[in-house]
Amino acid sequence: MRAELICIVENFASQKEIIKNLYECSEEFRTLCRDYFHCVRTLEKWEATMKTYTQRIEEFAELKRILEEKTLQYINKKTI
């Protein structure tokens, strides 16, 4: 079974036999399945990438906060 067909069947398991028949008989449906498969895979990659970026953003935001705090401490020491 092709990857795009497996992907569609996994998402619409209750319609497995209809999906398999449509996939065998309809080029338009095969194209729809390929498009769906590529969309799902691309979305998964973007979500993983965004998770990584979100973590980095949070880390840098915390670092920025710490550096601002240290900067203010340093400034306050020098003005006293």
PDB file of N, CA and C in Angstrom:
ATOM      1  N   MET A   1       0.859  -1.182   0.000  1.00  0.00           N
ATOM      2  CA  MET A   1       0.000   0.000   0.000  1.00  0.00           C
ATOM      3  C   MET A   1       0.899   1.237   0.000  1.00  0.00           C
ATOM      4  N   ARG A   2       0.568   2.190  -0.824  1.00  0.00           N
ATOM      5  CA  ARG A   2       1.353   3.417  -0.943  1.00  0.00           C
ATOM      6  C   ARG A   2       1.182   4.294   0.296  1.00  0.00           C
ATOM      7  N   ALA A   3       2.202   5.103   0.567  1.00  0.00           N
ATOM      8  CA  ALA A   3       2.220   5.946   1.771  1.00  0.00           C
ATOM      9  C   ALA A   3       1.016   6.876   1.843  1.00  0.00           C
ATOM     10  N   GLU A   4       0.647   7.471   0.706  1.00  0.00           N
ATOM     11  CA  GLU A   4      -0.476   8.408   0.741  1.00  0.00           C
ATOM     12  C   GLU A   4      -1.796   7.695   1.038  1.00  0.00           C
ATOM     13  N   LEU A   5      -1.917   6.472   0.560  1.00  0.00           N
ATOM     14  CA  LEU A   5      -3.122   5.690   0.833  1.00  0.00           C
ATOM     15  C   LEU A   5      -3.165   5.288   2.313  1.00  0.00           C
ATOM     16  N   ILE A   6      -2.047   4.873   2.852  1.00  0.00           N
ATOM     17  CA  ILE A   6      -1.973   4.528   4.277  1.00  0.00           C
ATOM     18  C   ILE A   6      -2.345   5.732   5.124  1.00  0.00           C
ATOM     19  N   CYS A   7      -1.834   6.888   4.758  1.00  0.00           N
ATOM     20  CA  CYS A   7      -2.103   8.118   5.497  1.00  0.00           C
ATOM     21  C   CYS A   7      -3.596   8.430   5.520  1.00  0.00           C
ATOM     22  N   ILE A   8      -4.245   8.333   4.377  1.00  0.00           N
ATOM     23  CA  ILE A   8      -5.687   8.601   4.295  1.00  0.00           C
ATOM     24  C   ILE A   8      -6.474   7.562   5.092  1.00  0.00           C
ATOM     25  N   VAL A   9      -6.103   6.296   4.949  1.00  0.00           N
ATOM     26  CA  VAL A   9      -6.811   5.229   5.660  1.00  0.00           C
ATOM     27  C   VAL A   9      -6.649   5.404   7.170  1.00  0.00           C
ATOM     28  N   GLU A  10      -5.461   5.794   7.620  1.00  0.00           N
ATOM     29  CA  GLU A  10      -5.252   6.023   9.058  1.00  0.00           C
ATOM     30  C   GLU A  10      -6.180   7.123   9.574  1.00  0.00           C
ATOM     31  N   ASN A  11      -6.400   8.128   8.770  1.00  0.00           N
ATOM     32  CA  ASN A  11      -7.227   9.255   9.203  1.00  0.00           C
ATOM     33  C   ASN A  11      -8.724   8.968   9.081  1.00  0.00           C
ATOM     34  N   PHE A  12      -9.081   8.139   8.135  1.00  0.00           N
ATOM     35  CA  PHE A  12     -10.497   7.811   7.897  1.00  0.00           C
ATOM     36  C   PHE A  12     -10.684   6.292   7.949  1.00  0.00           C
ATOM     37  N   ALA A  13     -10.268   5.687   9.049  1.00  0.00           N
ATOM     38  CA  ALA A  13     -10.235   4.223   9.171  1.00  0.00           C
ATOM     39  C   ALA A  13     -11.599   3.567   8.936  1.00  0.00           C
ATOM     40  N   SER A  14     -12.647   4.210   9.348  1.00  0.00           N
ATOM     41  CA  SER A  14     -13.975   3.614   9.185  1.00  0.00           C
ATOM     42  C   SER A  14     -14.399   3.531   7.714  1.00  0.00           C
ATOM     43  N   GLN A  15     -13.698   4.233   6.848  1.00  0.00           N
ATOM     44  CA  GLN A  15     -14.031   4.248   5.418  1.00  0.00           C
ATOM     45  C   GLN A  15     -12.986   3.505   4.573  1.00  0.00           C
ATOM     46  N   LYS A  16     -12.230   2.617   5.210  1.00  0.00           N
ATOM     47  CA  LYS A  16     -11.083   1.970   4.575  1.00  0.00           C
ATOM     48  C   LYS A  16     -11.400   1.354   3.208  1.00  0.00           C
ATOM     49  N   GLU A  17     -12.435   0.550   3.126  1.00  0.00           N
ATOM     50  CA  GLU A  17     -12.732  -0.150   1.868  1.00  0.00           C
ATOM     51  C   GLU A  17     -13.141   0.820   0.761  1.00  0.00           C
ATOM     52  N   ILE A  18     -13.948   1.793   1.090  1.00  0.00           N
ATOM     53  CA  ILE A  18     -14.351   2.801   0.103  1.00  0.00           C
ATOM     54  C   ILE A  18     -13.125   3.554  -0.391  1.00  0.00           C
ATOM     55  N   ILE A  19     -12.257   3.921   0.531  1.00  0.00           N
ATOM     56  CA  ILE A  19     -11.034   4.655   0.175  1.00  0.00           C
ATOM     57  C   ILE A  19     -10.177   3.814  -0.759  1.00  0.00           C
ATOM     58  N   LYS A  20      -9.976   2.549  -0.429  1.00  0.00           N
ATOM     59  CA  LYS A  20      -9.157   1.674  -1.281  1.00  0.00           C
ATOM     60  C   LYS A  20      -9.751   1.559  -2.683  1.00  0.00           C
ATOM     61  N   ASN A  21     -11.066   1.424  -2.760  1.00  0.00           N
ATOM     62  CA  ASN A  21     -11.721   1.328  -4.074  1.00  0.00           C
ATOM     63  C   ASN A  21     -11.567   2.618  -4.862  1.00  0.00           C
ATOM     64  N   LEU A  22     -11.790   3.746  -4.199  1.00  0.00           N
ATOM     65  CA  LEU A  22     -11.632   5.034  -4.878  1.00  0.00           C
ATOM     66  C   LEU A  22     -10.193   5.222  -5.347  1.00  0.00           C
ATOM     67  N   TYR A  23      -9.249   4.828  -4.508  1.00  0.00           N
ATOM     68  CA  TYR A  23      -7.833   4.975  -4.853  1.00  0.00           C
ATOM     69  C   TYR A  23      -7.486   4.164  -6.101  1.00  0.00           C
ATOM     70  N   GLU A  24      -8.044   2.975  -6.192  1.00  0.00           N
ATOM     71  CA  GLU A  24      -7.784   2.106  -7.354  1.00  0.00           C
ATOM     72  C   GLU A  24      -8.436   2.636  -8.630  1.00  0.00           C
ATOM     73  N   CYS A  25      -9.591   3.275  -8.497  1.00  0.00           N
ATOM     74  CA  CYS A  25     -10.389   3.634  -9.672  1.00  0.00           C
ATOM     75  C   CYS A  25     -10.254   5.085 -10.131  1.00  0.00           C
ATOM     76  N   SER A  26      -9.791   5.960  -9.268  1.00  0.00           N
ATOM     77  CA  SER A  26      -9.860   7.381  -9.594  1.00  0.00           C
ATOM     78  C   SER A  26      -8.504   8.075  -9.481  1.00  0.00           C
ATOM     79  N   GLU A  27      -8.019   8.553 -10.608  1.00  0.00           N
ATOM     80  CA  GLU A  27      -6.766   9.318 -10.605  1.00  0.00           C
ATOM     81  C   GLU A  27      -6.933  10.603  -9.794  1.00  0.00           C
ATOM     82  N   GLU A  28      -8.108  11.210  -9.902  1.00  0.00           N
ATOM     83  CA  GLU A  28      -8.379  12.439  -9.147  1.00  0.00           C
ATOM     84  C   GLU A  28      -8.291  12.173  -7.637  1.00  0.00           C
ATOM     85  N   PHE A  29      -8.831  11.029  -7.198  1.00  0.00           N
ATOM     86  CA  PHE A  29      -8.765  10.687  -5.775  1.00  0.00           C
ATOM     87  C   PHE A  29      -7.330  10.380  -5.363  1.00  0.00           C
ATOM     88  N   ARG A  30      -6.566   9.708  -6.232  1.00  0.00           N
ATOM     89  CA  ARG A  30      -5.143   9.445  -5.925  1.00  0.00           C
ATOM     90  C   ARG A  30      -4.385  10.750  -5.772  1.00  0.00           C
ATOM     91  N   THR A  31      -4.699  11.723  -6.612  1.00  0.00           N
ATOM     92  CA  THR A  31      -4.064  13.037  -6.505  1.00  0.00           C
ATOM     93  C   THR A  31      -4.440  13.710  -5.183  1.00  0.00           C
ATOM     94  N   LEU A  32      -5.696  13.624  -4.832  1.00  0.00           N
ATOM     95  CA  LEU A  32      -6.159  14.170  -3.556  1.00  0.00           C
ATOM     96  C   LEU A  32      -5.415  13.502  -2.387  1.00  0.00           C
ATOM     97  N   CYS A  33      -5.260  12.195  -2.457  1.00  0.00           N
ATOM     98  CA  CYS A  33      -4.529  11.464  -1.405  1.00  0.00           C
ATOM     99  C   CYS A  33      -3.072  11.910  -1.333  1.00  0.00           C
ATOM    100  N   ARG A  34      -2.429  12.077  -2.480  1.00  0.00           N
ATOM    101  CA  ARG A  34      -1.031  12.546  -2.496  1.00  0.00           C
ATOM    102  C   ARG A  34      -0.927  13.942  -1.906  1.00  0.00           C
ATOM    103  N   ASP A  35      -1.841  14.814  -2.301  1.00  0.00           N
ATOM    104  CA  ASP A  35      -1.839  16.183  -1.761  1.00  0.00           C
ATOM    105  C   ASP A  35      -2.022  16.172  -0.249  1.00  0.00           C
ATOM    106  N   TYR A  36      -2.944  15.362   0.218  1.00  0.00           N
ATOM    107  CA  TYR A  36      -3.200  15.257   1.660  1.00  0.00           C
ATOM    108  C   TYR A  36      -1.951  14.735   2.381  1.00  0.00           C
ATOM    109  N   PHE A  37      -1.353  13.698   1.839  1.00  0.00           N
ATOM    110  CA  PHE A  37      -0.152  13.109   2.426  1.00  0.00           C
ATOM    111  C   PHE A  37       0.961  14.146   2.532  1.00  0.00           C
ATOM    112  N   HIS A  38       1.212  14.884   1.455  1.00  0.00           N
ATOM    113  CA  HIS A  38       2.263  15.908   1.475  1.00  0.00           C
ATOM    114  C   HIS A  38       1.930  17.024   2.465  1.00  0.00           C
ATOM    115  N   CYS A  39       0.685  17.396   2.535  1.00  0.00           N
ATOM    116  CA  CYS A  39       0.247  18.414   3.484  1.00  0.00           C
ATOM    117  C   CYS A  39       0.490  17.958   4.922  1.00  0.00           C
ATOM    118  N   VAL A  40       0.088  16.734   5.239  1.00  0.00           N
ATOM    119  CA  VAL A  40       0.260  16.203   6.594  1.00  0.00           C
ATOM    120  C   VAL A  40       1.739  16.155   6.967  1.00  0.00           C
ATOM    121  N   ARG A  41       2.564  15.646   6.077  1.00  0.00           N
ATOM    122  CA  ARG A  41       3.998  15.529   6.369  1.00  0.00           C
ATOM    123  C   ARG A  41       4.639  16.906   6.531  1.00  0.00           C
ATOM    124  N   THR A  42       4.276  17.840   5.675  1.00  0.00           N
ATOM    125  CA  THR A  42       4.832  19.186   5.772  1.00  0.00           C
ATOM    126  C   THR A  42       4.400  19.858   7.067  1.00  0.00           C
ATOM    127  N   LEU A  43       3.136  19.698   7.422  1.00  0.00           N
ATOM    128  CA  LEU A  43       2.638  20.257   8.674  1.00  0.00           C
ATOM    129  C   LEU A  43       3.392  19.676   9.865  1.00  0.00           C
ATOM    130  N   GLU A  44       3.620  18.370   9.860  1.00  0.00           N
ATOM    131  CA  GLU A  44       4.363  17.733  10.954  1.00  0.00           C
ATOM    132  C   GLU A  44       5.773  18.316  11.066  1.00  0.00           C
ATOM    133  N   LYS A  45       6.423  18.514   9.937  1.00  0.00           N
ATOM    134  CA  LYS A  45       7.784  19.094   9.951  1.00  0.00           C
ATOM    135  C   LYS A  45       7.763  20.523  10.492  1.00  0.00           C
ATOM    136  N   TRP A  46       6.792  21.316  10.036  1.00  0.00           N
ATOM    137  CA  TRP A  46       6.682  22.704  10.508  1.00  0.00           C
ATOM    138  C   TRP A  46       6.390  22.756  11.993  1.00  0.00           C
ATOM    139  N   GLU A  47       5.510  21.870  12.468  1.00  0.00           N
ATOM    140  CA  GLU A  47       5.189  21.852  13.893  1.00  0.00           C
ATOM    141  C   GLU A  47       6.423  21.506  14.725  1.00  0.00           C
ATOM    142  N   ALA A  48       7.213  20.545  14.251  1.00  0.00           N
ATOM    143  CA  ALA A  48       8.448  20.184  14.963  1.00  0.00           C
ATOM    144  C   ALA A  48       9.436  21.347  14.950  1.00  0.00           C
ATOM    145  N   THR A  49       9.548  22.004  13.813  1.00  0.00           N
ATOM    146  CA  THR A  49      10.445  23.155  13.701  1.00  0.00           C
ATOM    147  C   THR A  49       9.989  24.282  14.610  1.00  0.00           C
ATOM    148  N   MET A  50       8.694  24.557  14.608  1.00  0.00           N
ATOM    149  CA  MET A  50       8.170  25.632  15.443  1.00  0.00           C
ATOM    150  C   MET A  50       8.362  25.330  16.923  1.00  0.00           C
ATOM    151  N   LYS A  51       8.251  24.069  17.294  1.00  0.00           N
ATOM    152  CA  LYS A  51       8.472  23.687  18.689  1.00  0.00           C
ATOM    153  C   LYS A  51       9.904  24.023  19.080  1.00  0.00           C
ATOM    154  N   THR A  52      10.835  23.709  18.205  1.00  0.00           N
ATOM    155  CA  THR A  52      12.238  24.027  18.462  1.00  0.00           C
ATOM    156  C   THR A  52      12.430  25.531  18.555  1.00  0.00           C
ATOM    157  N   TYR A  53      11.856  26.281  17.623  1.00  0.00           N
ATOM    158  CA  TYR A  53      11.979  27.739  17.649  1.00  0.00           C
ATOM    159  C   TYR A  53      11.341  28.331  18.896  1.00  0.00           C
ATOM    160  N   THR A  54      10.195  27.801  19.288  1.00  0.00           N
ATOM    161  CA  THR A  54       9.508  28.299  20.481  1.00  0.00           C
ATOM    162  C   THR A  54      10.382  28.104  21.711  1.00  0.00           C
ATOM    163  N   GLN A  55      11.007  26.947  21.810  1.00  0.00           N
ATOM    164  CA  GLN A  55      11.905  26.693  22.938  1.00  0.00           C
ATOM    165  C   GLN A  55      13.078  27.670  22.931  1.00  0.00           C
ATOM    166  N   ARG A  56      13.649  27.909  21.770  1.00  0.00           N
ATOM    167  CA  ARG A  56      14.778  28.844  21.675  1.00  0.00           C
ATOM    168  C   ARG A  56      14.352  30.266  22.013  1.00  0.00           C
ATOM    169  N   ILE A  57      13.190  30.660  21.545  1.00  0.00           N
ATOM    170  CA  ILE A  57      12.678  32.001  21.852  1.00  0.00           C
ATOM    171  C   ILE A  57      12.526  32.162  23.359  1.00  0.00           C
ATOM    172  N   GLU A  58      11.952  31.142  23.991  1.00  0.00           N
ATOM    173  CA  GLU A  58      11.772  31.204  25.445  1.00  0.00           C
ATOM    174  C   GLU A  58      13.121  31.282  26.162  1.00  0.00           C
ATOM    175  N   GLU A  59      14.102  30.509  25.697  1.00  0.00           N
ATOM    176  CA  GLU A  59      15.428  30.538  26.303  1.00  0.00           C
ATOM    177  C   GLU A  59      16.077  31.916  26.148  1.00  0.00           C
ATOM    178  N   PHE A  60      15.983  32.489  24.971  1.00  0.00           N
ATOM    179  CA  PHE A  60      16.577  33.810  24.745  1.00  0.00           C
ATOM    180  C   PHE A  60      15.823  34.906  25.483  1.00  0.00           C
ATOM    181  N   ALA A  61      14.520  34.762  25.619  1.00  0.00           N
ATOM    182  CA  ALA A  61      13.748  35.735  26.399  1.00  0.00           C
ATOM    183  C   ALA A  61      14.196  35.701  27.855  1.00  0.00           C
ATOM    184  N   GLU A  62      14.429  34.519  28.381  1.00  0.00           N
ATOM    185  CA  GLU A  62      14.921  34.387  29.762  1.00  0.00           C
ATOM    186  C   GLU A  62      16.327  34.960  29.885  1.00  0.00           C
ATOM    187  N   LEU A  63      17.178  34.671  28.925  1.00  0.00           N
ATOM    188  CA  LEU A  63      18.532  35.233  28.934  1.00  0.00           C
ATOM    189  C   LEU A  63      18.481  36.756  28.885  1.00  0.00           C
ATOM    190  N   LYS A  64      17.613  37.303  28.052  1.00  0.00           N
ATOM    191  CA  LYS A  64      17.443  38.761  27.960  1.00  0.00           C
ATOM    192  C   LYS A  64      17.028  39.334  29.299  1.00  0.00           C
ATOM    193  N   ARG A  65      16.065  38.675  29.951  1.00  0.00           N
ATOM    194  CA  ARG A  65      15.609  39.137  31.261  1.00  0.00           C
ATOM    195  C   ARG A  65      16.748  39.137  32.276  1.00  0.00           C
ATOM    196  N   ILE A  66      17.541  38.083  32.291  1.00  0.00           N
ATOM    197  CA  ILE A  66      18.676  37.982  33.210  1.00  0.00           C
ATOM    198  C   ILE A  66      19.700  39.070  32.918  1.00  0.00           C
ATOM    199  N   LEU A  67      20.004  39.277  31.659  1.00  0.00           N
ATOM    200  CA  LEU A  67      20.988  40.300  31.281  1.00  0.00           C
ATOM    201  C   LEU A  67      20.490  41.699  31.629  1.00  0.00           C
ATOM    202  N   GLU A  68      19.212  41.956  31.431  1.00  0.00           N
ATOM    203  CA  GLU A  68      18.659  43.264  31.819  1.00  0.00           C
ATOM    204  C   GLU A  68      18.760  43.463  33.328  1.00  0.00           C
ATOM    205  N   GLU A  69      18.479  42.425  34.063  1.00  0.00           N
ATOM    206  CA  GLU A  69      18.562  42.502  35.521  1.00  0.00           C
ATOM    207  C   GLU A  69      20.004  42.786  35.962  1.00  0.00           C
ATOM    208  N   LYS A  70      20.949  42.082  35.380  1.00  0.00           N
ATOM    209  CA  LYS A  70      22.356  42.293  35.720  1.00  0.00           C
ATOM    210  C   LYS A  70      22.826  43.686  35.310  1.00  0.00           C
ATOM    211  N   THR A  71      22.324  44.143  34.158  1.00  0.00           N
ATOM    212  CA  THR A  71      22.684  45.488  33.704  1.00  0.00           C
ATOM    213  C   THR A  71      22.197  46.533  34.697  1.00  0.00           C
ATOM    214  N   LEU A  72      20.959  46.402  35.134  1.00  0.00           N
ATOM    215  CA  LEU A  72      20.416  47.349  36.118  1.00  0.00           C
ATOM    216  C   LEU A  72      21.173  47.275  37.433  1.00  0.00           C
ATOM    217  N   GLN A  73      21.527  46.083  37.866  1.00  0.00           N
ATOM    218  CA  GLN A  73      22.310  45.940  39.086  1.00  0.00           C
ATOM    219  C   GLN A  73      23.657  46.652  38.949  1.00  0.00           C
ATOM    220  N   TYR A  74      24.285  46.482  37.805  1.00  0.00           N
ATOM    221  CA  TYR A  74      25.574  47.119  37.563  1.00  0.00           C
ATOM    222  C   TYR A  74      25.430  48.639  37.534  1.00  0.00           C
ATOM    223  N   ILE A  75      24.400  49.138  36.855  1.00  0.00           N
ATOM    224  CA  ILE A  75      24.159  50.569  36.790  1.00  0.00           C
ATOM    225  C   ILE A  75      23.891  51.127  38.182  1.00  0.00           C
ATOM    226  N   ASN A  76      23.069  50.445  38.956  1.00  0.00           N
ATOM    227  CA  ASN A  76      22.723  50.911  40.301  1.00  0.00           C
ATOM    228  C   ASN A  76      23.946  50.919  41.214  1.00  0.00           C
ATOM    229  N   LYS A  77      24.859  49.994  41.083  1.00  0.00           N
ATOM    230  CA  LYS A  77      26.085  49.979  41.869  1.00  0.00           C
ATOM    231  C   LYS A  77      26.947  51.194  41.564  1.00  0.00           C
ATOM    232  N   LYS A  78      27.013  51.562  40.327  1.00  0.00           N
ATOM    233  CA  LYS A  78      27.901  52.649  39.887  1.00  0.00           C
ATOM    234  C   LYS A  78      27.310  54.013  40.212  1.00  0.00           C
ATOM    235  N   THR A  79      26.024  54.103  40.407  1.00  0.00           N
ATOM    236  CA  THR A  79      25.425  55.413  40.672  1.00  0.00           C
ATOM    237  C   THR A  79      25.309  55.689  42.169  1.00  0.00           C
ATOM    238  N   ILE A  80      25.617  54.743  42.998  1.00  0.00           N
ATOM    239  CA  ILE A  80      25.511  54.943  44.442  1.00  0.00           C
ATOM    240  C   ILE A  80      26.805  55.496  44.989  1.00  0.00           C
TER     241      ILE A  80
END
